[in-house]
C-alpha atoms as a PDB file:
ATOM      1  CA  MET A   1     132.349 -95.248  24.616  1.00  0.00           C
ATOM      2  CA  PHE A   2     132.803 -98.136  27.047  1.00  0.00           C
ATOM      3  CA  THR A   3     131.421-101.622  27.636  1.00  0.00           C
ATOM      4  CA  GLY A   4     131.135-101.664  31.434  1.00  0.00           C
ATOM      5  CA  ILE A   5     133.687-104.470  31.795  1.00  0.00           C
ATOM      6  CA  ILE A   6     136.069-103.243  34.486  1.00  0.00           C
ATOM      7  CA  GLU A   7     139.759-103.719  33.700  1.00  0.00           C
ATOM      8  CA  GLU A   8     141.341-102.613  36.939  1.00  0.00           C
ATOM      9  CA  LEU A   9     140.651-101.465  40.456  1.00  0.00           C
ATOM     10  CA  GLY A  10     142.670 -98.276  40.899  1.00  0.00           C
ATOM     11  CA  ARG A  11     143.071 -95.927  43.854  1.00  0.00           C
ATOM     12  CA  ILE A  12     142.635 -92.211  44.385  1.00  0.00           C
ATOM     13  CA  ALA A  13     146.130 -90.822  44.938  1.00  0.00           C
ATOM     14  CA  ALA A  14     145.018 -87.190  45.255  1.00  0.00           C
ATOM     15  CA  LEU A  15     141.900 -85.075  44.842  1.00  0.00           C
ATOM     16  CA  ASP A  16     142.395 -81.327  44.794  1.00  0.00           C
ATOM     17  CA  LYS A  17     139.227 -79.254  44.553  1.00  0.00           C
ATOM     18  CA  HIS A  18     139.222 -75.692  43.253  1.00  0.00           C
ATOM     19  CA  ALA A  19     136.651 -73.036  42.387  1.00  0.00           C
ATOM     20  CA  ASN A  20     135.524 -74.606  39.101  1.00  0.00           C
ATOM     21  CA  GLY A  21     136.046 -78.293  39.679  1.00  0.00           C
ATOM     22  CA  ALA A  22     138.922 -80.530  40.735  1.00  0.00           C
ATOM     23  CA  LYS A  23     142.082 -82.275  39.695  1.00  0.00           C
ATOM     24  CA  ILE A  24     142.203 -85.963  40.427  1.00  0.00           C
ATOM     25  CA  ARG A  25     145.186 -88.307  40.330  1.00  0.00           C
ATOM     26  CA  ILE A  26     144.644 -92.046  40.131  1.00  0.00           C
ATOM     27  CA  SER A  27     147.128 -94.809  40.768  1.00  0.00           C
ATOM     28  CA  ALA A  28     146.801 -97.518  38.129  1.00  0.00           C
ATOM     29  CA  GLN A  29     148.947 -99.855  36.072  1.00  0.00           C
ATOM     30  CA  VAL A  30     146.726-101.825  33.671  1.00  0.00           C
ATOM     31  CA  VAL A  31     144.693 -99.026  32.062  1.00  0.00           C
ATOM     32  CA  THR A  32     147.747 -96.849  31.489  1.00  0.00           C
ATOM     33  CA  ASP A  33     149.222 -99.438  29.123  1.00  0.00           C
ATOM     34  CA  GLY A  34     148.833 -98.052  25.604  1.00  0.00           C
ATOM     35  CA  THR A  35     147.038 -94.952  26.894  1.00  0.00           C
ATOM     36  CA  ASN A  36     148.171 -91.519  25.721  1.00  0.00           C
ATOM     37  CA  ASP A  37     147.403 -88.067  27.061  1.00  0.00           C
ATOM     38  CA  GLY A  38     143.939 -87.113  25.830  1.00  0.00           C
ATOM     39  CA  ASP A  39     142.546 -90.655  25.777  1.00  0.00           C
ATOM     40  CA  SER A  40     139.366 -91.491  27.693  1.00  0.00           C
ATOM     41  CA  ILE A  41     139.201 -93.625  30.823  1.00  0.00           C
ATOM     42  CA  ALA A  42     136.025 -94.341  32.783  1.00  0.00           C
ATOM     43  CA  VAL A  43     136.432 -93.838  36.539  1.00  0.00           C
ATOM     44  CA  ASN A  44     133.512 -95.342  38.470  1.00  0.00           C
ATOM     45  CA  GLY A  45     131.525 -94.946  35.262  1.00  0.00           C
ATOM     46  CA  VAL A  46     132.520 -91.326  34.631  1.00  0.00           C
ATOM     47  CA  CYS A  47     134.287 -90.635  31.331  1.00  0.00           C
ATOM     48  CA  LEU A  48     137.430 -88.601  32.057  1.00  0.00           C
ATOM     49  CA  THR A  49     140.273 -87.412  29.831  1.00  0.00           C
ATOM     50  CA  ALA A  50     143.568 -88.930  30.949  1.00  0.00           C
ATOM     51  CA  LEU A  51     146.463 -86.488  31.364  1.00  0.00           C
ATOM     52  CA  ASP A  52     150.044 -86.827  32.566  1.00  0.00           C
ATOM     53  CA  VAL A  53     149.876 -90.565  31.891  1.00  0.00           C
ATOM     54  CA  SER A  54     152.666 -92.706  33.322  1.00  0.00           C
ATOM     55  CA  ALA A  55     153.195 -96.348  34.179  1.00  0.00           C
ATOM     56  CA  ALA A  56     152.026 -95.555  37.723  1.00  0.00           C
ATOM     57  CA  GLY A  57     148.777 -93.755  36.905  1.00  0.00           C
ATOM     58  CA  PHE A  58     147.203 -90.670  35.391  1.00  0.00           C
ATOM     59  CA  MET A  59     145.647 -87.328  36.216  1.00  0.00           C
ATOM     60  CA  ALA A  60     142.319 -85.858  35.075  1.00  0.00           C
ATOM     61  CA  ASP A  61     140.453 -82.577  35.319  1.00  0.00           C
ATOM     62  CA  VAL A  62     136.901 -82.884  36.658  1.00  0.00           C
ATOM     63  CA  SER A  63     134.334 -80.168  35.997  1.00  0.00           C
ATOM     64  CA  GLN A  64     131.986 -78.886  38.687  1.00  0.00           C
ATOM     65  CA  GLU A  65     129.062 -80.345  36.721  1.00  0.00           C
ATOM     66  CA  THR A  66     130.649 -83.793  36.956  1.00  0.00           C
ATOM     67  CA  LEU A  67     131.334 -83.356  40.676  1.00  0.00           C
ATOM     68  CA  ASP A  68     127.703 -82.373  41.239  1.00  0.00           C
ATOM     69  CA  LYS A  69     126.244 -85.179  39.122  1.00  0.00           C
ATOM     70  CA  SER A  70     128.503 -88.048  40.174  1.00  0.00           C
ATOM     71  CA  THR A  71     130.132 -89.398  43.316  1.00  0.00           C
ATOM     72  CA  LEU A  72     133.660 -88.375  42.335  1.00  0.00           C
ATOM     73  CA  GLY A  73     133.601 -85.258  44.497  1.00  0.00           C
ATOM     74  CA  GLY A  74     133.010 -87.317  47.615  1.00  0.00           C
ATOM     75  CA  LEU A  75     135.913 -89.716  47.134  1.00  0.00           C
ATOM     76  CA  LYS A  76     138.782 -89.684  49.600  1.00  0.00           C
ATOM     77  CA  THR A  77     142.463 -90.403  49.099  1.00  0.00           C
ATOM     78  CA  GLY A  78     142.970 -94.149  49.000  1.00  0.00           C
ATOM     79  CA  ALA A  79     139.441 -94.932  47.781  1.00  0.00           C
ATOM     80  CA  LYS A  80     139.191 -97.801  45.282  1.00  0.00           C
ATOM     81  CA  VAL A  81     137.783 -96.895  41.858  1.00  0.00           C
ATOM     82  CA  ASN A  82     136.661 -98.969  38.865  1.00  0.00           C
ATOM     83  CA  LEU A  83     138.681 -98.263  35.715  1.00  0.00           C
ATOM     84  CA  GLU A  84     138.063 -99.032  32.051  1.00  0.00           C
ATOM     85  CA  ARG A  85     139.729 -97.764  28.896  1.00  0.00           C
ATOM     86  CA  ALA A  86     137.550 -96.610  26.002  1.00  0.00           C
ATOM     87  CA  VAL A  87     136.618 -99.230  23.411  1.00  0.00           C
ATOM     88  CA  THR A  88     138.405 -99.644  20.096  1.00  0.00           C
ATOM     89  CA  PRO A  89     137.002-101.059  16.824  1.00  0.00           C
ATOM     90  CA  LEU A  90     138.465-104.452  17.857  1.00  0.00           C
ATOM     91  CA  THR A  91     137.079-104.470  21.406  1.00  0.00           C
ATOM     92  CA  ARG A  92     134.725-107.292  22.312  1.00  0.00           C
ATOM     93  CA  LEU A  93     131.438-105.824  23.528  1.00  0.00           C
ATOM     94  CA  GLY A  94     131.203-108.001  26.613  1.00  0.00           C
ATOM     95  CA  GLY A  95     128.821-105.692  28.499  1.00  0.00           C
ATOM     96  CA  HIS A  96     126.586-103.047  26.910  1.00  0.00           C
ATOM     97  CA  LEU A  97     127.082 -99.593  25.395  1.00  0.00           C
ATOM     98  CA  VAL A  98     128.161 -97.302  28.218  1.00  0.00           C
ATOM     99  CA  GLN A  99     128.849 -93.633  27.485  1.00  0.00           C
ATOM    100  CA  GLY A 100     130.426 -92.681  30.786  1.00  0.00           C
ATOM    101  CA  HIS A 101     127.798 -89.957  31.215  1.00  0.00           C
ATOM    102  CA  VAL A 102     126.256 -90.425  34.652  1.00  0.00           C
ATOM    103  CA  ASP A 103     122.488 -89.915  34.746  1.00  0.00           C
ATOM    104  CA  SER A 104     122.077 -89.781  38.500  1.00  0.00           C
ATOM    105  CA  ARG A 105     123.287 -91.067  41.819  1.00  0.00           C
ATOM    106  CA  GLY A 106     121.636 -94.032  43.483  1.00  0.00           C
ATOM    107  CA  LYS A 107     122.277 -95.576  46.880  1.00  0.00           C
ATOM    108  CA  PHE A 108     123.784 -98.911  47.780  1.00  0.00           C
ATOM    109  CA  ILE A 109     121.272-100.619  50.057  1.00  0.00           C
ATOM    110  CA  SER A 110     122.588-104.101  50.728  1.00  0.00           C
ATOM    111  CA  ALA A 111     124.583-107.075  49.503  1.00  0.00           C
ATOM    112  CA  VAL A 112     123.514-110.605  50.430  1.00  0.00           C
ATOM    113  CA  GLN A 113     125.832-113.519  49.778  1.00  0.00           C
ATOM    114  CA  ASN A 114     124.350-116.665  48.239  1.00  0.00           C
ATOM    115  CA  GLY A 115     127.150-119.215  48.001  1.00  0.00           C
ATOM    116  CA  ASP A 116     129.828-117.626  45.822  1.00  0.00           C
ATOM    117  CA  PHE A 117     127.408-115.068  44.370  1.00  0.00           C
ATOM    118  CA  TRP A 118     126.040-111.808  45.744  1.00  0.00           C
ATOM    119  CA  THR A 119     122.636-110.173  45.392  1.00  0.00           C
ATOM    120  CA  VAL A 120     123.096-106.407  45.487  1.00  0.00           C
ATOM    121  CA  ARG A 121     120.190-103.988  45.991  1.00  0.00           C
ATOM    122  CA  VAL A 122     120.467-100.363  44.819  1.00  0.00           C
ATOM    123  CA  SER A 123     117.895 -97.577  45.090  1.00  0.00           C
ATOM    124  CA  PHE A 124     117.371 -95.188  42.185  1.00  0.00           C
ATOM    125  CA  PRO A 125     115.769 -91.730  41.841  1.00  0.00           C
ATOM    126  CA  ARG A 126     112.459 -91.297  40.057  1.00  0.00           C
ATOM    127  CA  GLU A 127     113.922 -89.500  37.033  1.00  0.00           C
ATOM    128  CA  ILE A 128     115.586 -92.614  35.635  1.00  0.00           C
ATOM    129  CA  GLY A 129     112.879 -95.127  36.531  1.00  0.00           C
ATOM    130  CA  GLN A 130     111.366 -95.124  33.031  1.00  0.00           C
ATOM    131  CA  TYR A 131     114.641 -96.371  31.548  1.00  0.00           C
ATOM    132  CA  LEU A 132     114.950 -99.444  33.764  1.00  0.00           C
ATOM    133  CA  VAL A 133     113.454-102.799  32.771  1.00  0.00           C
ATOM    134  CA  TYR A 134     113.599-106.322  34.146  1.00  0.00           C
ATOM    135  CA  LYS A 135     116.566-108.158  32.566  1.00  0.00           C
ATOM    136  CA  GLY A 136     117.723-104.859  31.072  1.00  0.00           C
ATOM    137  CA  SER A 137     121.184-103.315  31.380  1.00  0.00           C
ATOM    138  CA  ILE A 138     122.312-100.736  33.925  1.00  0.00           C
ATOM    139  CA  SER A 139     125.737 -99.276  34.657  1.00  0.00           C
ATOM    140  CA  VAL A 140     126.540 -99.075  38.379  1.00  0.00           C
ATOM    141  CA  GLU A 141     129.871 -97.443  39.198  1.00  0.00           C
ATOM    142  CA  GLY A 142     130.791 -98.092  35.568  1.00  0.00           C
ATOM    143  CA  ILE A 143     130.021-101.821  35.793  1.00  0.00           C
ATOM    144  CA  SER A 144     127.716-103.324  33.161  1.00  0.00           C
ATOM    145  CA  LEU A 145     125.085-105.251  35.113  1.00  0.00           C
ATOM    146  CA  THR A 146     121.737-106.915  34.449  1.00  0.00           C
ATOM    147  CA  ILE A 147     118.642-106.047  36.462  1.00  0.00           C
ATOM    148  CA  ALA A 148     117.475-109.280  38.117  1.00  0.00           C
ATOM    149  CA  GLU A 149     114.670-107.712  40.185  1.00  0.00           C
ATOM    150  CA  LEU A 150     112.957-104.355  39.730  1.00  0.00           C
ATOM    151  CA  GLY A 151     110.921-102.483  42.327  1.00  0.00           C
ATOM    152  CA  ALA A 152     109.326 -99.039  42.366  1.00  0.00           C
ATOM    153  CA  ASP A 153     112.483 -97.364  43.635  1.00  0.00           C
ATOM    154  CA  PHE A 154     115.122-100.102  43.718  1.00  0.00           C
ATOM    155  CA  PHE A 155     116.652-102.814  41.595  1.00  0.00           C
ATOM    156  CA  GLU A 156     118.661-105.920  42.375  1.00  0.00           C
ATOM    157  CA  ILE A 157     121.606-107.340  40.487  1.00  0.00           C
ATOM    158  CA  ALA A 158     123.261-110.743  40.711  1.00  0.00           C
ATOM    159  CA  VAL A 159     127.019-110.303  41.019  1.00  0.00           C
ATOM    160  CA  ILE A 160     129.378-113.113  40.060  1.00  0.00           C
ATOM    161  CA  PRO A 161     132.506-113.777  42.157  1.00  0.00           C
ATOM    162  CA  LYS A 162     134.871-112.270  39.561  1.00  0.00           C
ATOM    163  CA  THR A 163     132.973-108.967  39.484  1.00  0.00           C
ATOM    164  CA  TRP A 164     132.809-108.876  43.281  1.00  0.00           C
ATOM    165  CA  GLU A 165     136.562-109.400  43.451  1.00  0.00           C
ATOM    166  CA  LEU A 166     137.665-106.977  40.718  1.00  0.00           C
ATOM    167  CA  THR A 167     135.376-104.002  41.408  1.00  0.00           C
ATOM    168  CA  ASN A 168     134.607-101.651  44.280  1.00  0.00           C
ATOM    169  CA  LEU A 169     131.181-103.208  44.982  1.00  0.00           C
ATOM    170  CA  SER A 170     132.722-105.189  47.837  1.00  0.00           C
ATOM    171  CA  THR A 171     133.876-101.956  49.523  1.00  0.00           C
ATOM    172  CA  LEU A 172     130.464-100.269  49.581  1.00  0.00           C
ATOM    173  CA  LYS A 173     128.421 -99.807  52.731  1.00  0.00           C
ATOM    174  CA  SER A 174     124.689 -99.302  53.153  1.00  0.00           C
ATOM    175  CA  GLY A 175     123.818 -95.710  52.259  1.00  0.00           C
ATOM    176  CA  ASP A 176     126.862 -95.114  50.042  1.00  0.00           C
ATOM    177  CA  GLU A 177     126.061 -93.262  46.841  1.00  0.00           C
ATOM    178  CA  VAL A 178     126.790 -94.904  43.487  1.00  0.00           C
ATOM    179  CA  ASN A 179     126.912 -93.609  39.910  1.00  0.00           C
ATOM    180  CA  LEU A 180     124.095 -94.806  37.656  1.00  0.00           C
ATOM    181  CA  GLU A 181     123.881 -94.672  33.870  1.00  0.00           C
ATOM    182  CA  ALA A 182     120.791 -96.055  32.138  1.00  0.00           C
ATOM    183  CA  ASP A 183     120.901 -97.793  28.770  1.00  0.00           C
ATOM    184  CA  VAL A 184     121.326 -95.071  26.120  1.00  0.00           C
ATOM    185  CA  ILE A 185     119.042 -96.916  23.691  1.00  0.00           C
ATOM    186  CA  ALA A 186     116.083 -96.399  26.033  1.00  0.00           C
ATOM    187  CA  LYS A 187     116.804 -92.666  26.153  1.00  0.00           C
ATOM    188  CA  TYR A 188     116.917 -92.389  22.358  1.00  0.00           C
ATOM    189  CA  VAL A 189     113.637 -94.281  22.002  1.00  0.00           C
ATOM    190  CA  GLU A 190     111.995 -91.922  24.498  1.00  0.00           C
ATOM    191  CA  ARG A 191     113.303 -88.878  22.637  1.00  0.00           C
ATOM    192  CA  ILE A 192     112.088 -90.165  19.266  1.00  0.00           C
ATOM    193  CA  LEU A 193     108.621 -90.853  20.640  1.00  0.00           C
ATOM    194  CA  LEU A 194     108.292 -87.532  22.452  1.00  0.00           C
ATOM    195  CA  TYR A 195     109.927 -85.183  19.922  1.00  0.00           C
ATOM    196  CA  GLY A 196     107.276 -82.998  18.319  1.00  0.00           C
ATOM    197  CA  LYS A 197     104.579 -84.702  20.340  1.00  0.00           C
ATOM    198  CA  LYS A 198     101.564 -82.510  20.937  1.00  0.00           C
ATOM    199  CA  LYS A 199     100.226 -82.049  24.422  1.00  0.00           C
ATOM    200  CA  ASP A 200      98.068 -85.003  25.537  1.00  0.00           C
ATOM    201  CA  GLU A 201      98.946 -86.923  22.356  1.00  0.00           C
ATOM    202  CA  GLU A 202      99.032 -90.633  23.098  1.00  0.00           C
ATOM    203  CA  ILE A 203     101.780 -93.051  22.126  1.00  0.00           C
ATOM    204  CA  THR A 204      99.868 -95.794  20.306  1.00  0.00           C
ATOM    205  CA  LEU A 205     100.777 -99.168  18.793  1.00  0.00           C
ATOM    206  CA  GLU A 206     100.140 -97.672  15.346  1.00  0.00           C
ATOM    207  CA  LYS A 207     102.611 -94.862  15.996  1.00  0.00           C
ATOM    208  CA  LEU A 208     105.224 -97.350  17.220  1.00  0.00           C
ATOM    209  CA  LYS A 209     104.756 -99.386  14.023  1.00  0.00           C
ATOM    210  CA  LYS A 210     105.265 -96.318  11.844  1.00  0.00           C
ATOM    211  CA  LEU A 211     108.491 -95.564  13.684  1.00  0.00           C
ATOM    212  CA  GLY A 212     109.710 -99.131  13.185  1.00  0.00           C
ATOM    213  CA  PHE A 213     109.604-100.281  16.802  1.00  0.00           C
ATOM    214  CA  VAL A 214     107.053-103.083  16.292  1.00  0.00           C
END
């Protein structure tokens, strides 16, 4: 589990693909502090198991499913990646609950500077649209962000200078794919409401009250 508060901007040192996935090596210094082999680190919002950890970085195995679902398979040597260690019981939850399980890939559309701040627009696929709400949370490349504007197939986020500086958002170009993870709470609510639901059965205010949502 993560919070979406990026700790370090690392770099891809090597990416070796094979028949069933890939091995990835990442240069990093901050997130390796206190990290042991087998611990979890989010890389651009993808939860990976850190192996061969050293002061200079770590290695991770990436399954084919993860390569297909996320943008990791398209990264090149030298690419900047957002890194975050898994939370501990003493971690401050500065962002929102992020699992590191990418739901889909969106596309970076644009970034417009307004003084020191940036307004970033990202398109999203239809399958995650029901989980996105105005002022709700969304993880983009592992970064916990708040939806400031919501359209039919895009959302906008206001990015503060610190986030712009410490993450890979500033390196993205129009059309680049980004990893998206919707708020897990929305997915659980949907599952609760739909589980055992008969065909054409409506979700009513009375049903929501019985389930404790109102």
